[in-house]
Every structure is written in structure tokens, then in C-alpha cells.
Amino acid sequence: MTSLSARTPRFALVAHDARKDEIVEWVGLQLVPLSGMHVFSTGTTGSLIKTAFSELNVTCLKSGPLGGDQQIGAMICQAELDALIFFVDPLSPMPHDVDVKALTRLATVYDLPMACSRSTADLIVDGLLGEKTDERF
């Protein structure tokens, strides 16, 4: 297995509808470290990120409910990701909740760093890249 420092880091970015604006804002705050990564994202989230930050290397997959969550799950199983940033909306029922649970289960089974909030996403970026990006810590 190639070490993280020897290749471009690969992050998956996913957000439920109620948190899409928040993940786009977070990407803006993390633009410098993320610009050195390859970002994979579910359809709508990825499109919003690409529109806001055309300089990022973003690969858009299918929309989450249409298979994007499964595509990311397959990438986890194949060790093709270094982290999963998944801004979950815990207050809204999700019709594709089983897909969400499967994705988080795979991240746990394969010991993939996963963040479901802005503060843990910051910690993953800091930890994987060895850079301090948030003055709160």
C-alpha cells in the first residue's frame, strides 16, 4: 500500500440536503489543504462544490439516493479513499437511510477516518495532512 505522503490524498465529501450549504462553506474554509487532494462527492453536493470552487479536483458520482452512497461504499471497500466527510442531517428523516447506515458501517469496518460534523472534519484534515487549520485548538 502506498503511503499517504507519497500520493494525492483522496477524500469523499457527502452532505444531506439540509447541510449542503454548510459543507460548501467548510470547503471554502479548507480550500488550501483540499486543493492538494482528489475529492469525490455525491452528485448534487459535488456539483455545488465544483461551482463554488472550480480550482478543486472534484469527481462527481451519482446522487446519494441514486447510487452515489454505494459508489463511495465500494471505494471504501477497495481502499480508494483516505477519509469520508459526511455532513449528516440528524433531524430529518431520510428515505434512503439504509444507504447512509451502510456507508457509515463500511467506514467503520474498514477503519476509514470519518467525520459527520465540521469540527471532526477539521481534525481529519489536520491529522491526515499534518497541518493546523483551525485556531480553536
N, C-alpha and C. Protein backbone atom coordinates (compact mmCIF):
# COMPACT_ATOMS: atom_id res chain seq x y z
N MET A 1 0.84 -1.19 0.00
CA MET A 1 0.00 0.00 0.00
C MET A 1 0.88 1.25 0.00
N THR A 2 0.56 2.21 -0.82
CA THR A 2 1.30 3.45 -0.93
C THR A 2 0.97 4.35 0.25
N SER A 3 2.00 5.00 0.82
CA SER A 3 1.75 5.87 1.96
C SER A 3 1.03 7.13 1.49
N LEU A 4 0.29 7.74 2.42
CA LEU A 4 -0.49 8.94 2.10
C LEU A 4 0.42 10.06 1.63
N SER A 5 1.62 10.18 2.22
CA SER A 5 2.52 11.26 1.84
C SER A 5 3.10 11.07 0.44
N ALA A 6 3.04 9.83 -0.10
CA ALA A 6 3.61 9.55 -1.40
C ALA A 6 2.61 9.74 -2.55
N ARG A 7 1.37 10.10 -2.25
CA ARG A 7 0.37 10.27 -3.30
C ARG A 7 -0.63 11.33 -2.89
N THR A 8 -1.48 11.67 -3.82
CA THR A 8 -2.51 12.67 -3.57
C THR A 8 -3.58 12.08 -2.65
N PRO A 9 -3.88 12.74 -1.52
CA PRO A 9 -4.95 12.25 -0.64
C PRO A 9 -6.29 12.24 -1.37
N ARG A 10 -7.14 11.29 -1.00
CA ARG A 10 -8.46 11.11 -1.63
C ARG A 10 -9.54 11.18 -0.57
N PHE A 11 -10.36 12.21 -0.64
CA PHE A 11 -11.45 12.43 0.32
C PHE A 11 -12.79 12.29 -0.39
N ALA A 12 -13.75 11.73 0.31
CA ALA A 12 -15.14 11.73 -0.16
C ALA A 12 -15.91 12.76 0.66
N LEU A 13 -16.65 13.61 -0.02
CA LEU A 13 -17.47 14.63 0.64
C LEU A 13 -18.93 14.38 0.29
N VAL A 14 -19.74 14.24 1.33
CA VAL A 14 -21.17 13.95 1.18
C VAL A 14 -21.92 14.84 2.15
N ALA A 15 -23.10 15.31 1.76
CA ALA A 15 -23.92 16.10 2.68
C ALA A 15 -25.39 15.90 2.36
N HIS A 16 -26.17 15.76 3.41
CA HIS A 16 -27.62 15.74 3.25
C HIS A 16 -28.09 17.12 2.82
N ASP A 17 -29.30 17.18 2.25
CA ASP A 17 -29.82 18.43 1.70
C ASP A 17 -29.73 19.61 2.66
N ALA A 18 -30.11 19.40 3.90
CA ALA A 18 -30.13 20.50 4.88
C ALA A 18 -28.73 20.98 5.26
N ARG A 19 -27.68 20.23 4.86
CA ARG A 19 -26.32 20.60 5.25
C ARG A 19 -25.40 20.84 4.05
N LYS A 20 -25.98 20.92 2.86
CA LYS A 20 -25.16 21.15 1.66
C LYS A 20 -24.49 22.52 1.69
N ASP A 21 -25.20 23.55 2.10
CA ASP A 21 -24.60 24.88 2.19
C ASP A 21 -23.45 24.88 3.19
N GLU A 22 -23.63 24.14 4.28
CA GLU A 22 -22.59 24.08 5.31
C GLU A 22 -21.32 23.40 4.80
N ILE A 23 -21.47 22.32 4.02
CA ILE A 23 -20.26 21.64 3.53
C ILE A 23 -19.55 22.51 2.49
N VAL A 24 -20.30 23.25 1.68
CA VAL A 24 -19.68 24.17 0.72
C VAL A 24 -18.91 25.25 1.48
N GLU A 25 -19.51 25.78 2.53
CA GLU A 25 -18.81 26.78 3.36
C GLU A 25 -17.55 26.18 3.98
N TRP A 26 -17.65 24.95 4.49
CA TRP A 26 -16.49 24.28 5.09
C TRP A 26 -15.37 24.09 4.06
N VAL A 27 -15.74 23.68 2.85
CA VAL A 27 -14.74 23.53 1.80
C VAL A 27 -14.01 24.86 1.57
N GLY A 28 -14.75 25.96 1.57
CA GLY A 28 -14.13 27.27 1.41
C GLY A 28 -13.12 27.57 2.51
N LEU A 29 -13.44 27.16 3.73
CA LEU A 29 -12.52 27.38 4.85
C LEU A 29 -11.31 26.45 4.78
N GLN A 30 -11.46 25.31 4.10
CA GLN A 30 -10.39 24.32 3.99
C GLN A 30 -9.82 24.28 2.56
N LEU A 31 -10.00 25.35 1.82
CA LEU A 31 -9.63 25.35 0.41
C LEU A 31 -8.16 25.05 0.17
N VAL A 32 -7.28 25.60 0.97
CA VAL A 32 -5.85 25.37 0.76
C VAL A 32 -5.49 23.89 0.91
N PRO A 33 -5.82 23.24 2.04
CA PRO A 33 -5.46 21.82 2.12
C PRO A 33 -6.24 20.95 1.12
N LEU A 34 -7.49 21.27 0.87
CA LEU A 34 -8.29 20.46 -0.06
C LEU A 34 -7.81 20.60 -1.51
N SER A 35 -7.17 21.72 -1.83
CA SER A 35 -6.72 21.92 -3.21
C SER A 35 -5.62 20.94 -3.60
N GLY A 36 -4.98 20.34 -2.62
CA GLY A 36 -3.96 19.33 -2.90
C GLY A 36 -4.50 17.92 -2.87
N MET A 37 -5.81 17.75 -2.85
CA MET A 37 -6.43 16.43 -2.74
C MET A 37 -7.27 16.13 -3.98
N HIS A 38 -7.60 14.86 -4.10
CA HIS A 38 -8.62 14.48 -5.07
C HIS A 38 -9.91 14.27 -4.28
N VAL A 39 -10.94 15.00 -4.62
CA VAL A 39 -12.21 14.96 -3.91
C VAL A 39 -13.23 14.19 -4.75
N PHE A 40 -13.89 13.24 -4.11
CA PHE A 40 -15.01 12.52 -4.71
C PHE A 40 -16.25 12.95 -3.94
N SER A 41 -17.35 13.12 -4.63
CA SER A 41 -18.55 13.58 -3.95
C SER A 41 -19.79 13.04 -4.65
N THR A 42 -20.85 12.89 -3.86
CA THR A 42 -22.12 12.52 -4.46
C THR A 42 -22.60 13.69 -5.33
N GLY A 43 -23.48 13.39 -6.26
CA GLY A 43 -23.85 14.30 -7.34
C GLY A 43 -24.13 15.74 -7.01
N THR A 44 -25.17 16.00 -6.26
CA THR A 44 -25.57 17.39 -6.00
C THR A 44 -24.53 18.11 -5.15
N THR A 45 -24.04 17.46 -4.13
CA THR A 45 -23.02 18.06 -3.27
C THR A 45 -21.79 18.41 -4.09
N GLY A 46 -21.34 17.46 -4.90
CA GLY A 46 -20.16 17.69 -5.73
C GLY A 46 -20.36 18.82 -6.72
N SER A 47 -21.55 18.90 -7.33
CA SER A 47 -21.84 19.98 -8.27
C SER A 47 -21.78 21.34 -7.60
N LEU A 48 -22.32 21.43 -6.39
CA LEU A 48 -22.27 22.69 -5.65
C LEU A 48 -20.83 23.08 -5.32
N ILE A 49 -20.03 22.10 -4.93
CA ILE A 49 -18.62 22.37 -4.59
C ILE A 49 -17.86 22.80 -5.84
N LYS A 50 -18.06 22.09 -6.96
CA LYS A 50 -17.37 22.44 -8.21
C LYS A 50 -17.74 23.84 -8.68
N THR A 51 -19.01 24.20 -8.54
CA THR A 51 -19.46 25.54 -8.96
C THR A 51 -18.80 26.62 -8.10
N ALA A 52 -18.73 26.38 -6.80
CA ALA A 52 -18.16 27.37 -5.90
C ALA A 52 -16.64 27.44 -5.98
N PHE A 53 -15.99 26.30 -6.27
CA PHE A 53 -14.52 26.24 -6.23
C PHE A 53 -14.01 25.46 -7.43
N SER A 54 -14.01 26.08 -8.59
CA SER A 54 -13.63 25.40 -9.83
C SER A 54 -12.18 24.91 -9.81
N GLU A 55 -11.36 25.46 -8.94
CA GLU A 55 -9.96 25.06 -8.88
C GLU A 55 -9.74 23.71 -8.20
N LEU A 56 -10.77 23.19 -7.52
CA LEU A 56 -10.64 21.90 -6.86
C LEU A 56 -10.81 20.75 -7.86
N ASN A 57 -10.11 19.67 -7.59
CA ASN A 57 -10.21 18.45 -8.38
C ASN A 57 -11.34 17.61 -7.78
N VAL A 58 -12.56 17.76 -8.31
CA VAL A 58 -13.75 17.09 -7.77
C VAL A 58 -14.33 16.14 -8.82
N THR A 59 -14.50 14.90 -8.41
CA THR A 59 -15.19 13.92 -9.26
C THR A 59 -16.58 13.72 -8.69
N CYS A 60 -17.60 14.04 -9.47
CA CYS A 60 -18.98 13.87 -9.03
C CYS A 60 -19.46 12.46 -9.38
N LEU A 61 -20.00 11.79 -8.40
CA LEU A 61 -20.58 10.47 -8.58
C LEU A 61 -22.09 10.64 -8.74
N LYS A 62 -22.84 9.57 -8.67
CA LYS A 62 -24.31 9.65 -8.71
C LYS A 62 -24.81 10.38 -7.47
N SER A 63 -26.02 10.87 -7.54
CA SER A 63 -26.69 11.40 -6.36
C SER A 63 -26.79 10.29 -5.32
N GLY A 64 -26.72 10.66 -4.04
CA GLY A 64 -26.77 9.66 -2.97
C GLY A 64 -27.89 8.64 -3.10
N PRO A 65 -29.14 9.07 -3.21
CA PRO A 65 -30.23 8.12 -3.31
C PRO A 65 -30.24 7.31 -4.61
N LEU A 66 -29.50 7.77 -5.62
CA LEU A 66 -29.47 7.07 -6.91
C LEU A 66 -28.23 6.19 -7.07
N GLY A 67 -27.50 5.98 -5.97
CA GLY A 67 -26.36 5.08 -6.03
C GLY A 67 -25.03 5.69 -5.63
N GLY A 68 -24.99 6.99 -5.43
CA GLY A 68 -23.73 7.64 -5.05
C GLY A 68 -23.17 7.14 -3.73
N ASP A 69 -24.06 6.89 -2.77
CA ASP A 69 -23.60 6.34 -1.48
C ASP A 69 -22.95 4.98 -1.69
N GLN A 70 -23.52 4.16 -2.57
CA GLN A 70 -22.96 2.84 -2.84
C GLN A 70 -21.63 2.95 -3.59
N GLN A 71 -21.52 3.93 -4.48
CA GLN A 71 -20.25 4.13 -5.17
C GLN A 71 -19.14 4.47 -4.18
N ILE A 72 -19.46 5.33 -3.23
CA ILE A 72 -18.46 5.68 -2.22
C ILE A 72 -18.18 4.47 -1.34
N GLY A 73 -19.22 3.70 -1.00
CA GLY A 73 -19.02 2.48 -0.23
C GLY A 73 -18.07 1.52 -0.93
N ALA A 74 -18.22 1.37 -2.23
CA ALA A 74 -17.32 0.50 -3.00
C ALA A 74 -15.89 1.03 -2.96
N MET A 75 -15.74 2.34 -3.02
CA MET A 75 -14.40 2.93 -2.94
C MET A 75 -13.77 2.65 -1.59
N ILE A 76 -14.59 2.69 -0.53
CA ILE A 76 -14.08 2.36 0.81
C ILE A 76 -13.58 0.92 0.82
N CYS A 77 -14.37 0.00 0.30
CA CYS A 77 -14.00 -1.43 0.28
C CYS A 77 -12.73 -1.68 -0.52
N GLN A 78 -12.49 -0.89 -1.53
CA GLN A 78 -11.32 -1.06 -2.39
C GLN A 78 -10.11 -0.24 -1.92
N ALA A 79 -10.21 0.36 -0.73
CA ALA A 79 -9.14 1.19 -0.16
C ALA A 79 -8.76 2.34 -1.11
N GLU A 80 -9.76 2.95 -1.72
CA GLU A 80 -9.54 4.04 -2.66
C GLU A 80 -9.80 5.41 -2.05
N LEU A 81 -10.06 5.46 -0.74
CA LEU A 81 -10.29 6.72 -0.04
C LEU A 81 -9.42 6.79 1.21
N ASP A 82 -9.09 8.02 1.58
CA ASP A 82 -8.32 8.25 2.80
C ASP A 82 -9.19 8.80 3.92
N ALA A 83 -10.37 9.32 3.58
CA ALA A 83 -11.29 9.85 4.59
C ALA A 83 -12.66 10.08 3.97
N LEU A 84 -13.66 10.05 4.83
CA LEU A 84 -15.04 10.34 4.45
C LEU A 84 -15.53 11.49 5.32
N ILE A 85 -15.94 12.57 4.68
CA ILE A 85 -16.56 13.70 5.37
C ILE A 85 -18.03 13.67 4.97
N PHE A 86 -18.88 13.39 5.93
CA PHE A 86 -20.31 13.18 5.66
C PHE A 86 -21.11 14.06 6.61
N PHE A 87 -21.54 15.23 6.14
CA PHE A 87 -22.34 16.13 6.96
C PHE A 87 -23.78 15.61 6.96
N VAL A 88 -24.11 14.91 8.00
CA VAL A 88 -25.40 14.26 8.16
C VAL A 88 -26.40 15.22 8.80
N ASP A 89 -27.64 15.16 8.35
CA ASP A 89 -28.72 15.91 8.98
C ASP A 89 -29.45 14.97 9.93
N PRO A 90 -29.15 15.01 11.23
CA PRO A 90 -29.76 14.07 12.15
C PRO A 90 -31.22 14.38 12.49
N LEU A 91 -31.72 15.52 12.04
CA LEU A 91 -33.07 15.93 12.43
C LEU A 91 -34.13 15.67 11.37
N SER A 92 -33.73 15.24 10.19
CA SER A 92 -34.69 14.97 9.13
C SER A 92 -34.70 13.49 8.79
N PRO A 93 -35.90 12.92 8.61
CA PRO A 93 -35.94 11.51 8.19
C PRO A 93 -35.43 11.39 6.75
N MET A 94 -34.67 10.35 6.50
CA MET A 94 -34.10 10.14 5.18
C MET A 94 -34.72 8.90 4.54
N PRO A 95 -35.29 9.04 3.35
CA PRO A 95 -35.88 7.87 2.70
C PRO A 95 -34.83 6.82 2.34
N HIS A 96 -33.59 7.23 2.18
CA HIS A 96 -32.52 6.28 1.85
C HIS A 96 -31.61 6.05 3.06
N ASP A 97 -32.20 6.04 4.24
CA ASP A 97 -31.46 5.89 5.49
C ASP A 97 -30.63 4.61 5.53
N VAL A 98 -31.12 3.54 4.92
CA VAL A 98 -30.35 2.29 4.92
C VAL A 98 -29.03 2.47 4.16
N ASP A 99 -29.03 3.29 3.11
CA ASP A 99 -27.80 3.57 2.37
C ASP A 99 -26.81 4.33 3.25
N VAL A 100 -27.32 5.29 4.00
CA VAL A 100 -26.49 6.08 4.90
C VAL A 100 -25.87 5.17 5.96
N LYS A 101 -26.68 4.32 6.54
CA LYS A 101 -26.16 3.40 7.57
C LYS A 101 -25.12 2.45 6.99
N ALA A 102 -25.34 1.98 5.78
CA ALA A 102 -24.37 1.09 5.14
C ALA A 102 -23.05 1.81 4.92
N LEU A 103 -23.10 3.06 4.49
CA LEU A 103 -21.89 3.83 4.25
C LEU A 103 -21.10 4.06 5.53
N THR A 104 -21.79 4.45 6.59
CA THR A 104 -21.08 4.66 7.85
C THR A 104 -20.57 3.34 8.43
N ARG A 105 -21.31 2.27 8.21
CA ARG A 105 -20.84 0.95 8.67
C ARG A 105 -19.57 0.55 7.94
N LEU A 106 -19.52 0.74 6.63
CA LEU A 106 -18.32 0.39 5.87
C LEU A 106 -17.12 1.22 6.31
N ALA A 107 -17.33 2.50 6.56
CA ALA A 107 -16.22 3.33 7.04
C ALA A 107 -15.69 2.78 8.37
N THR A 108 -16.57 2.30 9.22
CA THR A 108 -16.16 1.72 10.49
C THR A 108 -15.46 0.39 10.29
N VAL A 109 -16.03 -0.49 9.48
CA VAL A 109 -15.44 -1.81 9.23
C VAL A 109 -14.04 -1.68 8.65
N TYR A 110 -13.84 -0.76 7.72
CA TYR A 110 -12.55 -0.60 7.06
C TYR A 110 -11.66 0.44 7.74
N ASP A 111 -12.06 0.88 8.92
CA ASP A 111 -11.26 1.80 9.73
C ASP A 111 -10.87 3.06 8.96
N LEU A 112 -11.82 3.60 8.22
CA LEU A 112 -11.60 4.82 7.46
C LEU A 112 -11.96 6.03 8.32
N PRO A 113 -11.07 7.00 8.44
CA PRO A 113 -11.44 8.21 9.19
C PRO A 113 -12.71 8.82 8.59
N MET A 114 -13.68 9.10 9.47
CA MET A 114 -14.97 9.63 9.03
C MET A 114 -15.40 10.75 9.96
N ALA A 115 -15.88 11.82 9.37
CA ALA A 115 -16.39 12.95 10.14
C ALA A 115 -17.82 13.23 9.74
N CYS A 116 -18.65 13.52 10.74
CA CYS A 116 -20.04 13.87 10.48
C CYS A 116 -20.35 15.31 10.88
N SER A 117 -19.34 16.04 11.29
CA SER A 117 -19.52 17.44 11.69
C SER A 117 -18.30 18.24 11.26
N ARG A 118 -18.47 19.53 11.28
CA ARG A 118 -17.40 20.44 10.87
C ARG A 118 -16.15 20.29 11.75
N SER A 119 -16.33 20.20 13.04
CA SER A 119 -15.15 20.13 13.92
C SER A 119 -14.37 18.84 13.72
N THR A 120 -15.06 17.71 13.53
CA THR A 120 -14.33 16.47 13.30
C THR A 120 -13.73 16.45 11.89
N ALA A 121 -14.37 17.08 10.93
CA ALA A 121 -13.80 17.19 9.58
C ALA A 121 -12.49 17.99 9.64
N ASP A 122 -12.48 19.08 10.40
CA ASP A 122 -11.25 19.85 10.58
C ASP A 122 -10.14 18.99 11.18
N LEU A 123 -10.49 18.20 12.18
CA LEU A 123 -9.49 17.34 12.81
C LEU A 123 -8.93 16.30 11.85
N ILE A 124 -9.77 15.76 10.98
CA ILE A 124 -9.29 14.79 9.99
C ILE A 124 -8.32 15.46 9.02
N VAL A 125 -8.68 16.62 8.52
CA VAL A 125 -7.77 17.33 7.61
C VAL A 125 -6.46 17.62 8.32
N ASP A 126 -6.53 18.14 9.54
CA ASP A 126 -5.33 18.44 10.31
C ASP A 126 -4.48 17.19 10.53
N GLY A 127 -5.13 16.11 10.92
CA GLY A 127 -4.41 14.89 11.25
C GLY A 127 -3.80 14.21 10.04
N LEU A 128 -4.53 14.14 8.93
CA LEU A 128 -4.02 13.45 7.75
C LEU A 128 -2.98 14.27 7.00
N LEU A 129 -3.07 15.57 7.08
CA LEU A 129 -2.14 16.40 6.35
C LEU A 129 -1.08 17.03 7.24
N GLY A 130 -1.24 16.85 8.56
CA GLY A 130 -0.24 17.40 9.47
C GLY A 130 -0.23 18.92 9.51
N GLU A 131 -1.36 19.52 9.21
CA GLU A 131 -1.45 20.97 9.20
C GLU A 131 -2.50 21.42 10.20
N LYS A 132 -2.21 22.53 10.89
CA LYS A 132 -3.18 23.10 11.80
C LYS A 132 -4.02 24.09 11.00
N THR A 133 -5.33 23.82 10.90
CA THR A 133 -6.17 24.68 10.06
C THR A 133 -7.24 25.41 10.87
N ASP A 134 -7.32 25.19 12.15
CA ASP A 134 -8.36 25.82 12.96
C ASP A 134 -7.72 26.38 14.23
N GLU A 135 -7.91 27.64 14.46
CA GLU A 135 -7.29 28.30 15.61
C GLU A 135 -7.92 27.95 16.95
N ARG A 136 -9.04 27.18 16.94
CA ARG A 136 -9.68 26.83 18.20
C ARG A 136 -8.86 25.83 18.99
N PHE A 137 -7.99 25.09 18.34
CA PHE A 137 -7.26 24.00 19.00
C PHE A 137 -5.82 24.36 19.25
